[in-house]
Amino acid sequence: EDPTATQRRRSARDVILSEANSDRIAGTLCRMRGAALKLGQMLSIQDESVLPPQLSAALERVRQSADIMPAQQLNEVMAAELGLNWRDLFEQFNDRPFAAASLGQVHQAVMHGSRTPV
């Protein structure tokens, strides 16, 4: 094989998989929801030999750092699931989730008449 062609492929790969581009991939996937974020998270747990180190590091950040759902979207989802007055079901509801992932997030709340967080 032509050594120059091999060098060009390596050079192109190095540009595409630069640290800056890996950071862009991670940042974009962290802002996404659903299948795209889940795909990034699944790729992050692959064997180290499957992906280049820069991409593996970026995807690990994706796995650890899914962005939280915006407040408006949270209210829309909860209203669709529990009704427009969903907040009335709770004595307390923490709008800031304590866990977030690609397919959902977890909020702490206290139902009326209960002291136990749900």
Protein backbone atom coordinates (compact mmCIF):
# COMPACT_ATOMS: atom_id res chain seq x y z
CA GLU A 1 0.00 0.00 0.00
CA ASP A 2 1.12 3.53 -0.74
CA PRO A 3 2.71 5.01 2.44
CA THR A 4 1.47 8.48 1.47
CA ALA A 5 -2.14 7.29 1.29
CA THR A 6 -1.78 5.62 4.69
CA GLN A 7 -0.37 8.86 6.14
CA ARG A 8 -3.25 10.91 4.65
CA ARG A 9 -5.82 8.57 6.23
CA ARG A 10 -4.09 8.82 9.61
CA SER A 11 -3.93 12.61 9.30
CA ALA A 12 -7.63 12.86 8.40
CA ARG A 13 -8.53 10.56 11.31
CA ASP A 14 -6.47 12.70 13.70
CA VAL A 15 -8.28 15.86 12.54
CA ILE A 16 -11.73 14.28 12.78
CA LEU A 17 -10.99 12.76 16.19
CA SER A 18 -9.23 15.80 17.62
CA GLU A 19 -9.85 16.65 21.25
CA ALA A 20 -11.89 19.71 20.20
CA ASN A 21 -14.13 17.63 17.94
CA SER A 22 -14.52 14.98 20.64
CA ASP A 23 -15.60 17.75 23.03
CA ARG A 24 -18.15 18.97 20.47
CA ILE A 25 -19.56 15.46 20.09
CA ALA A 26 -19.86 15.05 23.86
CA GLY A 27 -21.47 18.48 24.30
CA THR A 28 -23.99 17.87 21.54
CA LEU A 29 -24.95 14.42 22.79
CA CYS A 30 -25.35 15.71 26.37
CA ARG A 31 -27.92 18.23 25.16
CA MET A 32 -29.86 15.63 23.20
CA ARG A 33 -32.53 13.32 24.48
CA GLY A 34 -33.76 9.86 23.69
CA ALA A 35 -32.13 7.50 21.25
CA ALA A 36 -29.20 9.75 20.27
CA LEU A 37 -28.08 10.20 23.87
CA LYS A 38 -28.70 6.54 24.65
CA LEU A 39 -26.53 5.55 21.67
CA GLY A 40 -23.69 7.76 22.97
CA GLN A 41 -24.05 6.27 26.43
CA MET A 42 -24.02 2.71 25.08
CA LEU A 43 -20.94 3.40 22.97
CA SER A 44 -19.20 4.76 26.07
CA ILE A 45 -19.21 1.36 27.74
CA GLN A 46 -17.62 -0.51 24.82
CA ASP A 47 -14.26 -2.23 25.08
CA GLU A 48 -11.36 0.25 24.84
CA SER A 49 -10.18 -1.38 21.62
CA VAL A 50 -13.43 -0.57 19.78
CA LEU A 51 -13.14 3.23 19.77
CA PRO A 52 -10.22 5.64 19.60
CA PRO A 53 -9.21 6.99 23.03
CA GLN A 54 -10.36 10.58 22.29
CA LEU A 55 -13.84 9.41 21.32
CA SER A 56 -14.02 7.00 24.27
CA ALA A 57 -13.21 9.86 26.67
CA ALA A 58 -15.84 12.11 25.08
CA LEU A 59 -18.50 9.40 25.25
CA GLU A 60 -17.64 8.67 28.88
CA ARG A 61 -18.45 12.33 29.61
CA VAL A 62 -21.78 11.82 27.81
CA ARG A 63 -22.53 8.80 29.98
CA GLN A 64 -21.87 10.81 33.14
CA SER A 65 -23.37 14.17 32.15
CA ALA A 66 -26.79 14.05 30.52
CA ASP A 67 -28.37 17.52 30.65
CA ILE A 68 -31.55 17.94 32.67
CA MET A 69 -34.93 18.49 31.06
CA PRO A 70 -35.87 22.18 30.74
CA ALA A 71 -38.58 23.34 33.20
CA GLN A 72 -41.17 23.92 30.47
CA GLN A 73 -40.68 20.41 29.12
CA LEU A 74 -40.87 18.98 32.65
CA ASN A 75 -44.21 20.72 33.21
CA GLU A 76 -45.54 19.49 29.84
CA VAL A 77 -44.53 15.89 30.51
CA MET A 78 -45.90 15.87 34.05
CA ALA A 79 -49.18 17.49 32.93
CA ALA A 80 -49.56 14.90 30.18
CA GLU A 81 -48.98 12.07 32.66
CA LEU A 82 -50.72 13.36 35.80
CA GLY A 83 -53.03 16.16 34.63
CA LEU A 84 -52.74 19.94 34.45
CA ASN A 85 -52.80 20.35 38.24
CA TRP A 86 -50.12 17.73 38.84
CA ARG A 87 -48.28 19.91 41.37
CA ASP A 88 -51.36 19.79 43.64
CA LEU A 89 -50.64 16.08 44.15
CA PHE A 90 -47.46 16.90 46.02
CA GLU A 91 -46.69 18.75 49.21
CA GLN A 92 -43.17 19.25 47.85
CA PHE A 93 -41.68 18.71 44.43
CA ASN A 94 -38.02 19.43 43.69
CA ASP A 95 -37.78 20.82 40.14
CA ARG A 96 -34.09 19.99 40.06
CA PRO A 97 -33.63 16.27 39.41
CA PHE A 98 -31.14 14.35 41.48
CA ALA A 99 -30.53 11.96 38.57
CA ALA A 100 -30.81 12.50 34.83
CA ALA A 101 -30.40 10.11 31.92
CA SER A 102 -31.27 9.81 28.27
CA LEU A 103 -34.78 8.52 28.76
CA GLY A 104 -35.84 10.37 31.88
CA GLN A 105 -34.86 12.00 35.11
CA VAL A 106 -35.63 11.48 38.77
CA HIS A 107 -37.09 14.15 41.05
CA GLN A 108 -37.60 14.05 44.78
CA ALA A 109 -41.14 14.79 45.93
CA VAL A 110 -43.31 14.40 49.00
CA MET A 111 -46.96 13.43 48.59
CA HIS A 112 -49.59 15.21 50.67
CA GLY A 113 -50.04 13.53 54.03
CA SER A 114 -46.69 11.76 53.84
CA ARG A 115 -43.29 12.64 55.21
CA THR A 116 -41.56 10.05 53.04
CA PRO A 117 -39.93 11.32 49.86
CA VAL A 118 -41.01 9.55 46.69
